[in-house]
PDB file of N, CA and C in Angstrom:
ATOM      1  N   MET A   1      19.934   9.849  12.602  1.00  0.00           N
ATOM      2  CA  MET A   1      18.306  10.390  13.163  1.00  0.00           C
ATOM      3  C   MET A   1      17.598   8.821  13.928  1.00  0.00           C
ATOM      4  N   ALA A   2      16.961   8.993  14.731  1.00  0.00           N
ATOM      5  CA  ALA A   2      16.142   7.830  15.468  1.00  0.00           C
ATOM      6  C   ALA A   2      15.137   7.773  14.884  1.00  0.00           C
ATOM      7  N   GLY A   3      15.053   6.504  14.276  1.00  0.00           N
ATOM      8  CA  GLY A   3      13.910   5.620  13.306  1.00  0.00           C
ATOM      9  C   GLY A   3      12.917   5.000  14.266  1.00  0.00           C
ATOM     10  N   GLY A   4      13.114   4.797  15.321  1.00  0.00           N
ATOM     11  CA  GLY A   4      12.339   3.736  15.949  1.00  0.00           C
ATOM     12  C   GLY A   4      12.760   2.714  15.717  1.00  0.00           C
ATOM     13  N   TRP A   5      11.495   1.760  15.263  1.00  0.00           N
ATOM     14  CA  TRP A   5      11.635   0.329  14.687  1.00  0.00           C
ATOM     15  C   TRP A   5      12.026   0.261  13.590  1.00  0.00           C
ATOM     16  N   ALA A   6      11.758   1.259  12.554  1.00  0.00           N
ATOM     17  CA  ALA A   6      11.993   1.527  10.753  1.00  0.00           C
ATOM     18  C   ALA A   6      13.497   1.754  10.776  1.00  0.00           C
ATOM     19  N   ARG A   7      14.128   0.870   9.632  1.00  0.00           N
ATOM     20  CA  ARG A   7      15.386   1.058   9.562  1.00  0.00           C
ATOM     21  C   ARG A   7      15.801   2.352   9.042  1.00  0.00           C
ATOM     22  N   ASP A   8      16.767   2.641   8.744  1.00  0.00           N
ATOM     23  CA  ASP A   8      17.388   3.904   8.114  1.00  0.00           C
ATOM     24  C   ASP A   8      16.754   4.470   6.844  1.00  0.00           C
ATOM     25  N   ASP A   9      16.992   3.567   6.024  1.00  0.00           N
ATOM     26  CA  ASP A   9      16.430   3.599   4.776  1.00  0.00           C
ATOM     27  C   ASP A   9      14.838   3.216   4.019  1.00  0.00           C
ATOM     28  N   ALA A  10      14.283   3.113   5.339  1.00  0.00           N
ATOM     29  CA  ALA A  10      12.652   2.927   4.992  1.00  0.00           C
ATOM     30  C   ALA A  10      11.902   3.896   4.222  1.00  0.00           C
ATOM     31  N   VAL A  11      12.055   5.252   4.411  1.00  0.00           N
ATOM     32  CA  VAL A  11      11.219   5.922   3.904  1.00  0.00           C
ATOM     33  C   VAL A  11      11.843   6.016   2.335  1.00  0.00           C
ATOM     34  N   ASN A  12      12.977   5.858   1.910  1.00  0.00           N
ATOM     35  CA  ASN A  12      13.419   6.054   0.606  1.00  0.00           C
ATOM     36  C   ASN A  12      12.795   4.831   0.366  1.00  0.00           C
ATOM     37  N   GLU A  13      12.705   3.802   0.606  1.00  0.00           N
ATOM     38  CA  GLU A  13      12.372   2.521  -0.089  1.00  0.00           C
ATOM     39  C   GLU A  13      10.776   2.650   0.240  1.00  0.00           C
ATOM     40  N   GLN A  14      10.181   3.333   0.783  1.00  0.00           N
ATOM     41  CA  GLN A  14       8.390   3.072   0.987  1.00  0.00           C
ATOM     42  C   GLN A  14       8.206   4.344  -0.481  1.00  0.00           C
ATOM     43  N   ILE A  15       9.312   5.360  -0.711  1.00  0.00           N
ATOM     44  CA  ILE A  15       9.118   6.552  -1.949  1.00  0.00           C
ATOM     45  C   ILE A  15       8.838   5.619  -3.143  1.00  0.00           C
ATOM     46  N   GLU A  16      10.175   4.461  -3.003  1.00  0.00           N
ATOM     47  CA  GLU A  16      10.775   3.870  -4.194  1.00  0.00           C
ATOM     48  C   GLU A  16       9.625   2.965  -4.931  1.00  0.00           C
ATOM     49  N   ILE A  17       8.774   2.455  -3.884  1.00  0.00           N
ATOM     50  CA  ILE A  17       7.946   1.273  -4.113  1.00  0.00           C
ATOM     51  C   ILE A  17       6.349   1.951  -3.937  1.00  0.00           C
ATOM     52  N   SER A  18       6.100   3.061  -4.076  1.00  0.00           N
ATOM     53  CA  SER A  18       5.144   3.851  -4.038  1.00  0.00           C
ATOM     54  C   SER A  18       5.283   4.088  -5.837  1.00  0.00           C
ATOM     55  N   THR A  19       6.163   4.540  -5.782  1.00  0.00           N
ATOM     56  CA  THR A  19       6.807   5.288  -7.380  1.00  0.00           C
ATOM     57  C   THR A  19       6.697   4.124  -8.352  1.00  0.00           C
ATOM     58  N   ALA A  20       6.962   3.218  -7.985  1.00  0.00           N
ATOM     59  CA  ALA A  20       7.244   1.508  -8.811  1.00  0.00           C
ATOM     60  C   ALA A  20       5.428   1.167  -9.043  1.00  0.00           C
ATOM     61  N   GLU A  21       5.016   1.479  -7.724  1.00  0.00           N
ATOM     62  CA  GLU A  21       3.652   1.052  -8.223  1.00  0.00           C
ATOM     63  C   GLU A  21       2.750   1.780  -9.194  1.00  0.00           C
ATOM     64  N   ALA A  22       3.066   3.367  -8.906  1.00  0.00           N
ATOM     65  CA  ALA A  22       2.470   4.282  -9.908  1.00  0.00           C
ATOM     66  C   ALA A  22       2.701   4.114 -11.345  1.00  0.00           C
ATOM     67  N   ILE A  23       3.824   3.988 -11.576  1.00  0.00           N
ATOM     68  CA  ILE A  23       4.745   3.367 -12.790  1.00  0.00           C
ATOM     69  C   ILE A  23       4.136   2.172 -13.478  1.00  0.00           C
ATOM     70  N   ALA A  24       3.686   1.216 -12.365  1.00  0.00           N
ATOM     71  CA  ALA A  24       3.104   0.013 -13.171  1.00  0.00           C
ATOM     72  C   ALA A  24       1.675   0.232 -13.540  1.00  0.00           C
ATOM     73  N   ARG A  25       1.024   0.877 -12.689  1.00  0.00           N
ATOM     74  CA  ARG A  25      -0.252   1.158 -12.914  1.00  0.00           C
ATOM     75  C   ARG A  25      -0.680   2.050 -14.387  1.00  0.00           C
ATOM     76  N   ALA A  26       0.270   2.660 -14.472  1.00  0.00           N
ATOM     77  CA  ALA A  26      -0.021   3.592 -15.497  1.00  0.00           C
ATOM     78  C   ALA A  26       0.360   2.799 -16.965  1.00  0.00           C
ATOM     79  N   ARG A  27       1.310   2.231 -16.805  1.00  0.00           N
ATOM     80  CA  ARG A  27       1.864   1.107 -17.827  1.00  0.00           C
ATOM     81  C   ARG A  27       0.719   0.096 -18.359  1.00  0.00           C
ATOM     82  N   LEU A  28       0.078  -0.271 -17.279  1.00  0.00           N
ATOM     83  CA  LEU A  28      -1.241  -0.912 -17.272  1.00  0.00           C
ATOM     84  C   LEU A  28      -2.063  -0.486 -17.842  1.00  0.00           C
ATOM     85  N   ARG A  29      -2.424   0.624 -17.369  1.00  0.00           N
ATOM     86  CA  ARG A  29      -3.739   1.618 -18.467  1.00  0.00           C
ATOM     87  C   ARG A  29      -2.725   1.523 -19.998  1.00  0.00           C
ATOM     88  N   SER A  30      -1.860   2.012 -20.246  1.00  0.00           N
ATOM     89  CA  SER A  30      -1.356   2.239 -21.594  1.00  0.00           C
ATOM     90  C   SER A  30      -1.641   1.259 -22.522  1.00  0.00           C
ATOM     91  N   ALA A  31      -1.146   0.121 -21.692  1.00  0.00           N
ATOM     92  CA  ALA A  31      -1.100  -1.096 -22.502  1.00  0.00           C
ATOM     93  C   ALA A  31      -2.432  -1.621 -23.153  1.00  0.00           C
ATOM     94  N   ALA A  32      -3.540  -1.321 -22.449  1.00  0.00           N
ATOM     95  CA  ALA A  32      -4.799  -1.879 -22.628  1.00  0.00           C
ATOM     96  C   ALA A  32      -5.042  -1.628 -24.102  1.00  0.00           C
ATOM     97  N   PRO A  33      -5.779  -2.610 -24.676  1.00  0.00           N
ATOM     98  CA  PRO A  33      -6.418  -2.548 -26.389  1.00  0.00           C
ATOM     99  C   PRO A  33      -6.938  -1.279 -26.824  1.00  0.00           C
ATOM    100  N   ALA A  34      -6.604  -0.091 -27.116  1.00  0.00           N
ATOM    101  CA  ALA A  34      -7.530   0.456 -27.796  1.00  0.00           C
ATOM    102  C   ALA A  34      -8.868   0.259 -28.374  1.00  0.00           C
ATOM    103  N   ARG A  35      -9.637   1.312 -28.421  1.00  0.00           N
ATOM    104  CA  ARG A  35     -11.230   0.910 -29.186  1.00  0.00           C
ATOM    105  C   ARG A  35     -10.974   2.196 -29.518  1.00  0.00           C
ATOM    106  N   PRO A  36     -11.894   2.145 -30.839  1.00  0.00           N
ATOM    107  CA  PRO A  36     -11.984   3.676 -31.835  1.00  0.00           C
ATOM    108  C   PRO A  36     -12.555   4.415 -30.901  1.00  0.00           C
ATOM    109  N   SER A  37     -12.194   5.235 -31.027  1.00  0.00           N
ATOM    110  CA  SER A  37     -12.566   6.847 -30.442  1.00  0.00           C
ATOM    111  C   SER A  37     -14.429   7.065 -30.500  1.00  0.00           C
ATOM    112  N   ALA A  38     -14.567   7.446 -29.914  1.00  0.00           N
ATOM    113  CA  ALA A  38     -16.133   7.619 -30.087  1.00  0.00           C
ATOM    114  C   ALA A  38     -16.188   8.777 -30.904  1.00  0.00           C
ATOM    115  N   GLU A  39     -17.107   9.000 -31.378  1.00  0.00           N
ATOM    116  CA  GLU A  39     -17.523  10.725 -31.671  1.00  0.00           C
ATOM    117  C   GLU A  39     -18.239  11.682 -31.078  1.00  0.00           C
ATOM    118  N   PHE A  40     -19.507  10.581 -30.049  1.00  0.00           N
ATOM    119  CA  PHE A  40     -20.617  11.210 -28.774  1.00  0.00           C
ATOM    120  C   PHE A  40     -19.949  10.829 -27.939  1.00  0.00           C
ATOM    121  N   CYS A  41     -19.953  11.691 -26.728  1.00  0.00           N
ATOM    122  CA  CYS A  41     -19.865  11.245 -25.638  1.00  0.00           C
ATOM    123  C   CYS A  41     -20.719  10.028 -25.207  1.00  0.00           C
ATOM    124  N   ARG A  42     -19.865   8.864 -24.328  1.00  0.00           N
ATOM    125  CA  ARG A  42     -21.233   8.052 -23.929  1.00  0.00           C
ATOM    126  C   ARG A  42     -22.103   8.611 -22.901  1.00  0.00           C
ATOM    127  N   GLU A  43     -21.602   9.453 -22.175  1.00  0.00           N
ATOM    128  CA  GLU A  43     -22.501   9.857 -21.024  1.00  0.00           C
ATOM    129  C   GLU A  43     -23.342  11.066 -21.510  1.00  0.00           C
ATOM    130  N   CYS A  44     -23.178  11.923 -21.822  1.00  0.00           N
ATOM    131  CA  CYS A  44     -23.526  12.871 -22.332  1.00  0.00           C
ATOM    132  C   CYS A  44     -24.434  13.307 -23.300  1.00  0.00           C
ATOM    133  N   ASP A  45     -23.705  12.643 -24.497  1.00  0.00           N
ATOM    134  CA  ASP A  45     -23.876  12.356 -26.055  1.00  0.00           C
ATOM    135  C   ASP A  45     -23.977  13.404 -26.693  1.00  0.00           C
ATOM    136  N   GLU A  46     -22.769  14.637 -25.965  1.00  0.00           N
ATOM    137  CA  GLU A  46     -22.638  15.767 -27.007  1.00  0.00           C
ATOM    138  C   GLU A  46     -20.783  15.134 -27.690  1.00  0.00           C
ATOM    139  N   PRO A  47     -21.235  15.745 -29.053  1.00  0.00           N
ATOM    140  CA  PRO A  47     -19.710  15.292 -29.690  1.00  0.00           C
ATOM    141  C   PRO A  47     -18.454  15.981 -29.149  1.00  0.00           C
ATOM    142  N   ILE A  48     -17.735  14.734 -29.326  1.00  0.00           N
ATOM    143  CA  ILE A  48     -16.458  14.639 -28.779  1.00  0.00           C
ATOM    144  C   ILE A  48     -15.429  15.692 -30.019  1.00  0.00           C
ATOM    145  N   PRO A  49     -14.680  16.643 -29.801  1.00  0.00           N
ATOM    146  CA  PRO A  49     -13.798  17.093 -31.055  1.00  0.00           C
ATOM    147  C   PRO A  49     -13.075  16.424 -30.971  1.00  0.00           C
ATOM    148  N   GLU A  50     -12.568  16.514 -32.661  1.00  0.00           N
ATOM    149  CA  GLU A  50     -11.519  15.490 -33.405  1.00  0.00           C
ATOM    150  C   GLU A  50     -10.277  15.744 -32.605  1.00  0.00           C
ATOM    151  N   PRO A  51     -10.120  17.080 -32.558  1.00  0.00           N
ATOM    152  CA  PRO A  51      -8.480  16.870 -32.217  1.00  0.00           C
ATOM    153  C   PRO A  51      -8.451  16.194 -30.303  1.00  0.00           C
ATOM    154  N   ARG A  52      -9.302  16.178 -29.838  1.00  0.00           N
ATOM    155  CA  ARG A  52      -8.917  15.467 -28.992  1.00  0.00           C
ATOM    156  C   ARG A  52      -9.297  13.691 -29.342  1.00  0.00           C
ATOM    157  N   ARG A  53     -10.067  13.569 -30.245  1.00  0.00           N
ATOM    158  CA  ARG A  53     -10.048  11.780 -30.280  1.00  0.00           C
ATOM    159  C   ARG A  53      -8.617  11.984 -31.448  1.00  0.00           C
ATOM    160  N   ILE A  54      -8.082  12.562 -31.523  1.00  0.00           N
ATOM    161  CA  ILE A  54      -6.579  12.374 -32.171  1.00  0.00           C
ATOM    162  C   ILE A  54      -5.564  12.220 -30.878  1.00  0.00           C
ATOM    163  N   ALA A  55      -5.681  13.128 -30.083  1.00  0.00           N
ATOM    164  CA  ALA A  55      -4.697  13.005 -29.094  1.00  0.00           C
ATOM    165  C   ALA A  55      -4.804  11.777 -28.037  1.00  0.00           C
ATOM    166  N   MET A  56      -6.403  11.153 -27.850  1.00  0.00           N
ATOM    167  CA  MET A  56      -6.512  10.261 -26.825  1.00  0.00           C
ATOM    168  C   MET A  56      -7.094   8.938 -27.522  1.00  0.00           C
ATOM    169  N   PRO A  57      -6.763   8.564 -28.414  1.00  0.00           N
ATOM    170  CA  PRO A  57      -6.884   7.378 -28.956  1.00  0.00           C
ATOM    171  C   PRO A  57      -7.809   6.903 -27.981  1.00  0.00           C
ATOM    172  N   GLY A  58      -9.101   6.251 -28.981  1.00  0.00           N
ATOM    173  CA  GLY A  58     -10.119   5.164 -27.704  1.00  0.00           C
ATOM    174  C   GLY A  58     -10.587   6.328 -26.840  1.00  0.00           C
ATOM    175  N   VAL A  59     -10.763   7.435 -26.890  1.00  0.00           N
ATOM    176  CA  VAL A  59     -11.683   8.337 -25.976  1.00  0.00           C
ATOM    177  C   VAL A  59     -12.739   7.835 -25.686  1.00  0.00           C
ATOM    178  N   GLN A  60     -13.845   8.009 -24.859  1.00  0.00           N
ATOM    179  CA  GLN A  60     -15.505   7.841 -24.716  1.00  0.00           C
ATOM    180  C   GLN A  60     -15.875   8.929 -24.206  1.00  0.00           C
ATOM    181  N   LEU A  61     -15.091   9.426 -23.678  1.00  0.00           N
ATOM    182  CA  LEU A  61     -15.900  10.633 -22.831  1.00  0.00           C
ATOM    183  C   LEU A  61     -15.384  12.298 -23.067  1.00  0.00           C
ATOM    184  N   CYS A  62     -16.355  13.192 -23.326  1.00  0.00           N
ATOM    185  CA  CYS A  62     -16.092  14.315 -23.819  1.00  0.00           C
ATOM    186  C   CYS A  62     -15.399  14.639 -22.515  1.00  0.00           C
ATOM    187  N   VAL A  63     -14.266  16.005 -22.179  1.00  0.00           N
ATOM    188  CA  VAL A  63     -13.969  16.679 -21.538  1.00  0.00           C
ATOM    189  C   VAL A  63     -14.404  16.982 -20.057  1.00  0.00           C
ATOM    190  N   GLU A  64     -15.057  17.479 -20.351  1.00  0.00           N
ATOM    191  CA  GLU A  64     -15.876  17.615 -19.122  1.00  0.00           C
ATOM    192  C   GLU A  64     -16.514  16.335 -18.028  1.00  0.00           C
ATOM    193  N   CYS A  65     -17.181  15.496 -19.130  1.00  0.00           N
ATOM    194  CA  CYS A  65     -17.427  13.998 -18.148  1.00  0.00           C
ATOM    195  C   CYS A  65     -16.469  13.235 -17.544  1.00  0.00           C
ATOM    196  N   GLN A  66     -15.006  13.624 -18.443  1.00  0.00           N
ATOM    197  CA  GLN A  66     -14.013  12.817 -18.167  1.00  0.00           C
ATOM    198  C   GLN A  66     -13.373  13.752 -16.766  1.00  0.00           C
ATOM    199  N   SER A  67     -13.577  15.041 -16.555  1.00  0.00           N
ATOM    200  CA  SER A  67     -13.354  15.530 -15.513  1.00  0.00           C
ATOM    201  C   SER A  67     -13.700  15.131 -14.359  1.00  0.00           C
ATOM    202  N   GLY A  68     -15.282  15.006 -14.463  1.00  0.00           N
ATOM    203  CA  GLY A  68     -16.253  14.623 -13.483  1.00  0.00           C
ATOM    204  C   GLY A  68     -15.082  13.241 -13.218  1.00  0.00           C
ATOM    205  N   HIS A  69     -15.073  12.369 -13.941  1.00  0.00           N
ATOM    206  CA  HIS A  69     -14.882  10.837 -13.585  1.00  0.00           C
ATOM    207  C   HIS A  69     -13.495  10.566 -12.701  1.00  0.00           C
ATOM    208  N   ASP A  70     -12.450  11.787 -13.223  1.00  0.00           N
ATOM    209  CA  ASP A  70     -11.206  11.686 -12.220  1.00  0.00           C
ATOM    210  C   ASP A  70     -11.363  12.465 -11.380  1.00  0.00           C
ATOM    211  N   ARG A  71     -12.277  13.315 -10.843  1.00  0.00           N
ATOM    212  CA  ARG A  71     -12.775  14.090  -9.434  1.00  0.00           C
ATOM    213  C   ARG A  71     -12.753  12.967  -8.865  1.00  0.00           C
ATOM    214  N   ALA A  72     -13.913  11.938  -9.199  1.00  0.00           N
ATOM    215  CA  ALA A  72     -14.750  11.081  -8.497  1.00  0.00           C
ATOM    216  C   ALA A  72     -13.758  10.074  -8.046  1.00  0.00           C
ATOM    217  N   GLY A  73     -12.842   9.930  -8.652  1.00  0.00           N
ATOM    218  CA  GLY A  73     -11.820   8.337  -8.480  1.00  0.00           C
ATOM    219  C   GLY A  73     -10.473   9.067  -7.861  1.00  0.00           C
ATOM    220  N   ARG A  74     -10.225  10.445  -7.194  1.00  0.00           N
ATOM    221  CA  ARG A  74      -9.628  10.643  -6.100  1.00  0.00           C
ATOM    222  C   ARG A  74      -9.729  10.366  -5.061  1.00  0.00           C
ATOM    223  N   LYS A  75      -8.773   9.692  -4.461  1.00  0.00           N
ATOM    224  CA  LYS A  75      -8.713   9.809  -2.809  1.00  0.00           C
ATOM    225  C   LYS A  75      -8.442  10.633  -1.967  1.00  0.00           C
ATOM    226  N   THR A  76      -9.618  10.571  -1.310  1.00  0.00           N
ATOM    227  CA  THR A  76      -9.541  11.376  -0.078  1.00  0.00           C
ATOM    228  C   THR A  76      -8.148  11.351   0.775  1.00  0.00           C
ATOM    229  N   GLY A  77      -7.802  12.355   1.843  1.00  0.00           N
ATOM    230  CA  GLY A  77      -6.878  11.949   3.088  1.00  0.00           C
ATOM    231  C   GLY A  77      -5.672  11.573   2.380  1.00  0.00           C
ATOM    232  N   GLY A  78      -4.641  11.873   2.991  1.00  0.00           N
ATOM    233  CA  GLY A  78      -3.291  11.878   3.103  1.00  0.00           C
ATOM    234  C   GLY A  78      -3.016  10.614   3.772  1.00  0.00           C
ATOM    235  N   LEU A  79      -3.372   9.738   4.352  1.00  0.00           N
ATOM    236  CA  LEU A  79      -2.990   8.818   5.057  1.00  0.00           C
ATOM    237  C   LEU A  79      -2.017   7.664   3.965  1.00  0.00           C
ATOM    238  N   ASN A  80      -0.863   6.814   4.355  1.00  0.00           N
ATOM    239  CA  ASN A  80       0.011   6.292   4.014  1.00  0.00           C
ATOM    240  C   ASN A  80      -0.662   5.279   3.618  1.00  0.00           C
ATOM    241  N   ARG A  81      -1.203   4.100   2.789  1.00  0.00           N
ATOM    242  CA  ARG A  81      -1.974   3.178   2.490  1.00  0.00           C
ATOM    243  C   ARG A  81      -1.063   2.319   3.445  1.00  0.00           C
ATOM    244  N   ARG A  82       0.050   2.125   3.550  1.00  0.00           N
ATOM    245  CA  ARG A  82       1.264   1.048   4.525  1.00  0.00           C
ATOM    246  C   ARG A  82       1.070   1.139   5.753  1.00  0.00           C
ATOM    247  N   ALA A  83       0.566   2.468   6.172  1.00  0.00           N
ATOM    248  CA  ALA A  83       0.399   2.797   7.846  1.00  0.00           C
ATOM    249  C   ALA A  83       1.929   2.708   8.377  1.00  0.00           C
ATOM    250  N   SER A  84       2.256   3.363   7.764  1.00  0.00           N
ATOM    251  CA  SER A  84       4.062   3.777   8.246  1.00  0.00           C
ATOM    252  C   SER A  84       3.579   4.401   9.775  1.00  0.00           C
ATOM    253  N   LYS A  85       5.129   4.597  10.644  1.00  0.00           N
ATOM    254  CA  LYS A  85       4.937   5.168  12.000  1.00  0.00           C
ATOM    255  C   LYS A  85       4.216   6.744  11.939  1.00  0.00           C
ATOM    256  N   ASP A  86       5.073   7.718  10.505  1.00  0.00           N
ATOM    257  CA  ASP A  86       4.930   8.510  10.402  1.00  0.00           C
ATOM    258  C   ASP A  86       3.585   9.302  10.100  1.00  0.00           C
ATOM    259  N   SER A  87       2.848   8.143   9.340  1.00  0.00           N
ATOM    260  CA  SER A  87       1.394   8.639   8.786  1.00  0.00           C
ATOM    261  C   SER A  87       0.581   8.802   9.782  1.00  0.00           C
ATOM    262  N   LEU A  88       0.960   7.716  10.745  1.00  0.00           N
ATOM    263  CA  LEU A  88      -0.069   7.246  11.966  1.00  0.00           C
ATOM    264  C   LEU A  88       0.006   8.799  12.917  1.00  0.00           C
ATOM    265  N   LEU A  89       1.070   9.206  13.053  1.00  0.00           N
ATOM    266  CA  LEU A  89       1.311  10.683  14.031  1.00  0.00           C
ATOM    267  C   LEU A  89       0.425  11.796  13.470  1.00  0.00           C
ATOM    268  N   LYS A  90      -0.595  11.594  12.480  1.00  0.00           N
ATOM    269  CA  LYS A  90      -1.060  13.183  12.452  1.00  0.00           C
ATOM    270  C   LYS A  90      -2.450  13.345  13.162  1.00  0.00           C
TER     271      LYS A  90
END
């Protein structure tokens, strides 16, 4: 397959790098020192159910507030950060 300036294994290499970066970020987040779980959400002051506090040690937000943070933190668009040739052709 013609790849222009890219090597034949460039796509697989990019996938491996992206996966390794995501794993490193997840490990860094999980290695953070856990603080005690809050009984009440720090944003809306609603009680955090005990099963959530047990399942997620160090939780500070209720499910609804955490969902809002998760949605706000998502990046929009599907462009490759490394600007590969294929992502620029969209």
